[in-house]
Amino acid sequence: MSQPADPSLATPAPAGEGYAIAGMVLGICSLAVPILGPLSIPCSLVGLPLSVIGLKSRYRGMALAGVICSSVGLVFFIVAVVFGVILIGFFSGLIKSIPPN
C-alpha cells in the first residue's frame, strides 16, 4: 500500500506574495528621487504593476503601500521634469535678454 501524499506539499503557495513585497520595495525606492535621480522612474514603472498583481495576495497591505509609493514617486518625477523644463526655459530667456558687451 502506498501512503497518502503530505497535504502541505499539495497546497500551492498563494500567488502574488513575492510581487507584493517587490512592488513595495520598488515603490519605496522610487520615492528616493534626490538620491536615485533618473533611476526612480524605472522603479516606479516596475513597482506599480508588481504591486497591483500583489493586491491578490495575503500581503495586501504591502501591495497597497507599493501602489501608493510607486504612484507618488511617478508623480514626483513628472513634476520634477516639468519644473526642470520650466527653469531651463526661464534661464535661457534670461540669458538671451542680457545685452552683449
N, C-alpha and C. Protein backbone atom coordinates (compact mmCIF):
# COMPACT_ATOMS: atom_id res chain seq x y z
N MET A 1 0.82 -1.18 0.00
CA MET A 1 0.00 0.00 0.00
C MET A 1 0.87 1.25 0.00
N SER A 2 0.45 2.23 -0.76
CA SER A 2 1.19 3.48 -0.78
C SER A 2 0.59 4.43 0.25
N GLN A 3 1.45 5.25 0.78
CA GLN A 3 0.99 6.21 1.78
C GLN A 3 0.45 7.46 1.09
N PRO A 4 -0.54 8.13 1.73
CA PRO A 4 -1.07 9.36 1.12
C PRO A 4 -0.01 10.45 1.11
N ALA A 5 -0.12 11.30 0.13
CA ALA A 5 0.84 12.41 -0.01
C ALA A 5 0.65 13.40 1.12
N ASP A 6 1.72 14.05 1.46
CA ASP A 6 1.68 15.08 2.51
C ASP A 6 0.81 16.24 2.03
N PRO A 7 -0.26 16.62 2.77
CA PRO A 7 -1.14 17.70 2.30
C PRO A 7 -0.45 19.06 2.22
N SER A 8 0.59 19.27 3.00
CA SER A 8 1.28 20.56 2.94
C SER A 8 2.03 20.73 1.62
N LEU A 9 2.41 19.62 1.02
CA LEU A 9 3.10 19.69 -0.27
C LEU A 9 2.12 19.91 -1.42
N ALA A 10 0.87 19.54 -1.21
CA ALA A 10 -0.11 19.64 -2.28
C ALA A 10 -0.67 21.05 -2.43
N THR A 11 -0.64 21.84 -1.38
CA THR A 11 -1.21 23.19 -1.47
C THR A 11 -0.17 24.14 -2.04
N PRO A 12 -0.50 24.80 -3.13
CA PRO A 12 0.46 25.76 -3.72
C PRO A 12 0.56 27.02 -2.87
N ALA A 13 1.67 27.68 -2.99
CA ALA A 13 1.87 28.95 -2.28
C ALA A 13 0.93 29.99 -2.89
N PRO A 14 0.37 30.86 -2.05
CA PRO A 14 -0.51 31.89 -2.59
C PRO A 14 0.22 32.76 -3.61
N ALA A 15 -0.46 33.02 -4.70
CA ALA A 15 0.15 33.80 -5.77
C ALA A 15 0.23 35.27 -5.38
N GLY A 16 1.31 35.91 -5.74
CA GLY A 16 1.42 37.34 -5.55
C GLY A 16 2.18 37.80 -4.33
N GLU A 17 2.60 36.88 -3.45
CA GLU A 17 3.29 37.32 -2.24
C GLU A 17 4.62 38.00 -2.58
N GLY A 18 5.39 37.38 -3.45
CA GLY A 18 6.66 37.97 -3.85
C GLY A 18 6.47 39.26 -4.63
N TYR A 19 5.39 39.32 -5.41
CA TYR A 19 5.10 40.53 -6.16
C TYR A 19 4.77 41.69 -5.22
N ALA A 20 4.03 41.41 -4.16
CA ALA A 20 3.65 42.46 -3.21
C ALA A 20 4.88 43.04 -2.53
N ILE A 21 5.78 42.17 -2.10
CA ILE A 21 6.99 42.63 -1.41
C ILE A 21 7.89 43.39 -2.38
N ALA A 22 8.09 42.84 -3.57
CA ALA A 22 8.95 43.51 -4.56
C ALA A 22 8.36 44.85 -4.98
N GLY A 23 7.04 44.90 -5.15
CA GLY A 23 6.40 46.15 -5.52
C GLY A 23 6.54 47.21 -4.44
N MET A 24 6.43 46.79 -3.17
CA MET A 24 6.58 47.75 -2.08
C MET A 24 8.02 48.28 -2.01
N VAL A 25 8.99 47.39 -2.15
CA VAL A 25 10.39 47.82 -2.10
C VAL A 25 10.71 48.77 -3.24
N LEU A 26 10.25 48.45 -4.44
CA LEU A 26 10.49 49.33 -5.59
C LEU A 26 9.74 50.65 -5.44
N GLY A 27 8.56 50.61 -4.85
CA GLY A 27 7.82 51.85 -4.60
C GLY A 27 8.54 52.75 -3.63
N ILE A 28 9.10 52.17 -2.59
CA ILE A 28 9.87 52.97 -1.63
C ILE A 28 11.12 53.53 -2.30
N CYS A 29 11.77 52.72 -3.14
CA CYS A 29 12.95 53.21 -3.86
C CYS A 29 12.60 54.34 -4.81
N SER A 30 11.41 54.31 -5.38
CA SER A 30 11.03 55.36 -6.32
C SER A 30 10.80 56.69 -5.62
N LEU A 31 10.59 56.66 -4.31
CA LEU A 31 10.42 57.92 -3.57
C LEU A 31 11.74 58.59 -3.27
N ALA A 32 12.83 57.89 -3.45
CA ALA A 32 14.15 58.44 -3.16
C ALA A 32 14.65 59.24 -4.36
N VAL A 33 13.86 60.21 -4.83
CA VAL A 33 14.19 60.98 -6.03
C VAL A 33 15.52 61.72 -5.89
N PRO A 34 15.78 62.43 -4.78
CA PRO A 34 17.05 63.16 -4.71
C PRO A 34 18.27 62.25 -4.73
N ILE A 35 18.13 61.04 -4.22
CA ILE A 35 19.27 60.13 -4.17
C ILE A 35 19.42 59.36 -5.48
N LEU A 36 18.32 58.82 -5.99
CA LEU A 36 18.39 57.96 -7.17
C LEU A 36 18.29 58.71 -8.49
N GLY A 37 17.68 59.87 -8.48
CA GLY A 37 17.54 60.66 -9.70
C GLY A 37 16.78 59.91 -10.77
N PRO A 38 17.39 59.72 -11.94
CA PRO A 38 16.67 59.09 -13.05
C PRO A 38 16.34 57.61 -12.80
N LEU A 39 16.95 56.99 -11.81
CA LEU A 39 16.64 55.59 -11.53
C LEU A 39 15.28 55.42 -10.86
N SER A 40 14.69 56.51 -10.41
CA SER A 40 13.40 56.39 -9.74
C SER A 40 12.27 56.06 -10.72
N ILE A 41 12.40 56.46 -11.97
CA ILE A 41 11.33 56.20 -12.93
C ILE A 41 11.21 54.70 -13.25
N PRO A 42 12.31 53.97 -13.47
CA PRO A 42 12.12 52.52 -13.68
C PRO A 42 11.58 51.83 -12.44
N CYS A 43 11.99 52.30 -11.26
CA CYS A 43 11.46 51.70 -10.03
C CYS A 43 9.95 51.90 -9.95
N SER A 44 9.48 53.07 -10.32
CA SER A 44 8.03 53.34 -10.31
C SER A 44 7.32 52.50 -11.36
N LEU A 45 7.87 52.45 -12.56
CA LEU A 45 7.21 51.75 -13.65
C LEU A 45 7.18 50.24 -13.46
N VAL A 46 8.15 49.69 -12.75
CA VAL A 46 8.16 48.26 -12.48
C VAL A 46 7.39 47.96 -11.18
N GLY A 47 7.53 48.84 -10.19
CA GLY A 47 6.89 48.61 -8.90
C GLY A 47 5.38 48.70 -8.95
N LEU A 48 4.84 49.56 -9.80
CA LEU A 48 3.39 49.73 -9.87
C LEU A 48 2.67 48.46 -10.34
N PRO A 49 3.05 47.86 -11.47
CA PRO A 49 2.35 46.64 -11.87
C PRO A 49 2.59 45.46 -10.92
N LEU A 50 3.80 45.37 -10.35
CA LEU A 50 4.06 44.30 -9.39
C LEU A 50 3.15 44.44 -8.18
N SER A 51 2.96 45.67 -7.73
CA SER A 51 2.10 45.91 -6.57
C SER A 51 0.64 45.60 -6.90
N VAL A 52 0.22 45.95 -8.10
CA VAL A 52 -1.17 45.66 -8.50
C VAL A 52 -1.39 44.15 -8.54
N ILE A 53 -0.43 43.40 -9.05
CA ILE A 53 -0.54 41.94 -9.05
C ILE A 53 -0.55 41.41 -7.62
N GLY A 54 0.26 42.02 -6.77
CA GLY A 54 0.34 41.59 -5.38
C GLY A 54 -0.89 41.90 -4.55
N LEU A 55 -1.80 42.71 -5.05
CA LEU A 55 -3.03 43.02 -4.30
C LEU A 55 -3.89 41.78 -4.08
N LYS A 56 -3.68 40.73 -4.86
CA LYS A 56 -4.47 39.50 -4.72
C LYS A 56 -3.89 38.56 -3.66
N SER A 57 -2.74 38.90 -3.08
CA SER A 57 -2.10 38.02 -2.12
C SER A 57 -2.55 38.36 -0.70
N ARG A 58 -2.03 37.60 0.25
CA ARG A 58 -2.36 37.90 1.64
C ARG A 58 -1.57 39.10 2.15
N TYR A 59 -0.56 39.54 1.41
CA TYR A 59 0.20 40.74 1.76
C TYR A 59 -0.41 41.96 1.09
N ARG A 60 -1.70 42.10 1.20
CA ARG A 60 -2.42 43.19 0.54
C ARG A 60 -1.95 44.56 1.03
N GLY A 61 -1.62 44.69 2.30
CA GLY A 61 -1.15 45.96 2.85
C GLY A 61 0.17 46.40 2.22
N MET A 62 1.08 45.45 2.07
CA MET A 62 2.36 45.77 1.42
C MET A 62 2.14 46.15 -0.04
N ALA A 63 1.25 45.43 -0.70
CA ALA A 63 0.98 45.73 -2.10
C ALA A 63 0.34 47.11 -2.24
N LEU A 64 -0.57 47.44 -1.34
CA LEU A 64 -1.20 48.76 -1.37
C LEU A 64 -0.17 49.86 -1.11
N ALA A 65 0.74 49.62 -0.18
CA ALA A 65 1.81 50.59 0.06
C ALA A 65 2.68 50.74 -1.19
N GLY A 66 2.92 49.64 -1.90
CA GLY A 66 3.69 49.71 -3.14
C GLY A 66 2.99 50.50 -4.22
N VAL A 67 1.68 50.32 -4.33
CA VAL A 67 0.90 51.08 -5.33
C VAL A 67 0.97 52.57 -5.01
N ILE A 68 0.79 52.91 -3.74
CA ILE A 68 0.80 54.32 -3.34
C ILE A 68 2.19 54.93 -3.53
N CYS A 69 3.22 54.24 -3.05
CA CYS A 69 4.59 54.78 -3.17
C CYS A 69 5.02 54.89 -4.63
N SER A 70 4.70 53.89 -5.43
CA SER A 70 5.08 53.95 -6.85
C SER A 70 4.35 55.08 -7.56
N SER A 71 3.08 55.27 -7.25
CA SER A 71 2.32 56.35 -7.89
C SER A 71 2.85 57.71 -7.48
N VAL A 72 3.12 57.87 -6.19
CA VAL A 72 3.65 59.16 -5.71
C VAL A 72 5.04 59.41 -6.29
N GLY A 73 5.87 58.37 -6.36
CA GLY A 73 7.19 58.52 -6.97
C GLY A 73 7.13 58.90 -8.43
N LEU A 74 6.18 58.33 -9.16
CA LEU A 74 5.99 58.66 -10.57
C LEU A 74 5.54 60.11 -10.73
N VAL A 75 4.61 60.54 -9.88
CA VAL A 75 4.14 61.93 -9.93
C VAL A 75 5.27 62.89 -9.57
N PHE A 76 6.06 62.57 -8.54
CA PHE A 76 7.20 63.41 -8.17
C PHE A 76 8.17 63.56 -9.33
N PHE A 77 8.45 62.46 -10.03
CA PHE A 77 9.38 62.52 -11.14
C PHE A 77 8.84 63.39 -12.27
N ILE A 78 7.56 63.24 -12.60
CA ILE A 78 6.96 64.04 -13.67
C ILE A 78 6.98 65.52 -13.30
N VAL A 79 6.65 65.83 -12.04
CA VAL A 79 6.68 67.23 -11.59
C VAL A 79 8.10 67.78 -11.65
N ALA A 80 9.09 66.98 -11.26
CA ALA A 80 10.48 67.43 -11.30
C ALA A 80 10.93 67.71 -12.73
N VAL A 81 10.52 66.87 -13.67
CA VAL A 81 10.89 67.08 -15.08
C VAL A 81 10.23 68.35 -15.62
N VAL A 82 8.95 68.53 -15.32
CA VAL A 82 8.25 69.74 -15.79
C VAL A 82 8.88 70.99 -15.18
N PHE A 83 9.19 70.94 -13.89
CA PHE A 83 9.83 72.08 -13.22
C PHE A 83 11.20 72.36 -13.83
N GLY A 84 11.95 71.31 -14.15
CA GLY A 84 13.26 71.50 -14.78
C GLY A 84 13.16 72.13 -16.15
N VAL A 85 12.18 71.71 -16.94
CA VAL A 85 11.99 72.29 -18.27
C VAL A 85 11.60 73.76 -18.15
N ILE A 86 10.75 74.08 -17.19
CA ILE A 86 10.36 75.48 -16.99
C ILE A 86 11.56 76.32 -16.58
N LEU A 87 12.38 75.79 -15.67
CA LEU A 87 13.57 76.54 -15.24
C LEU A 87 14.55 76.74 -16.38
N ILE A 88 14.75 75.71 -17.19
CA ILE A 88 15.67 75.85 -18.33
C ILE A 88 15.15 76.90 -19.30
N GLY A 89 13.85 76.89 -19.56
CA GLY A 89 13.27 77.90 -20.44
C GLY A 89 13.39 79.30 -19.87
N PHE A 90 13.20 79.42 -18.56
CA PHE A 90 13.30 80.73 -17.92
C PHE A 90 14.72 81.27 -18.00
N PHE A 91 15.69 80.42 -17.64
CA PHE A 91 17.06 80.90 -17.62
C PHE A 91 17.63 81.10 -19.02
N SER A 92 17.17 80.34 -20.00
CA SER A 92 17.66 80.57 -21.35
C SER A 92 17.11 81.91 -21.88
N GLY A 93 15.88 82.25 -21.53
CA GLY A 93 15.33 83.54 -21.91
C GLY A 93 16.02 84.67 -21.17
N LEU A 94 16.40 84.43 -19.94
CA LEU A 94 17.09 85.44 -19.15
C LEU A 94 18.48 85.71 -19.72
N ILE A 95 19.16 84.65 -20.15
CA ILE A 95 20.49 84.81 -20.71
C ILE A 95 20.42 85.55 -22.05
N LYS A 96 19.41 85.28 -22.84
CA LYS A 96 19.28 85.95 -24.15
C LYS A 96 18.95 87.44 -23.98
N SER A 97 18.36 87.81 -22.85
CA SER A 97 17.98 89.21 -22.66
C SER A 97 19.13 90.07 -22.16
N ILE A 98 20.27 89.45 -21.80
CA ILE A 98 21.43 90.22 -21.34
C ILE A 98 22.13 90.79 -22.57
N PRO A 99 22.33 92.10 -22.62
CA PRO A 99 22.98 92.69 -23.80
C PRO A 99 24.46 92.32 -23.83
N PRO A 100 25.00 92.10 -25.03
CA PRO A 100 26.44 91.77 -25.12
C PRO A 100 27.28 93.01 -24.86
N ASN A 101 28.47 92.78 -24.40
CA ASN A 101 29.40 93.90 -24.09
C ASN A 101 30.06 94.42 -25.32
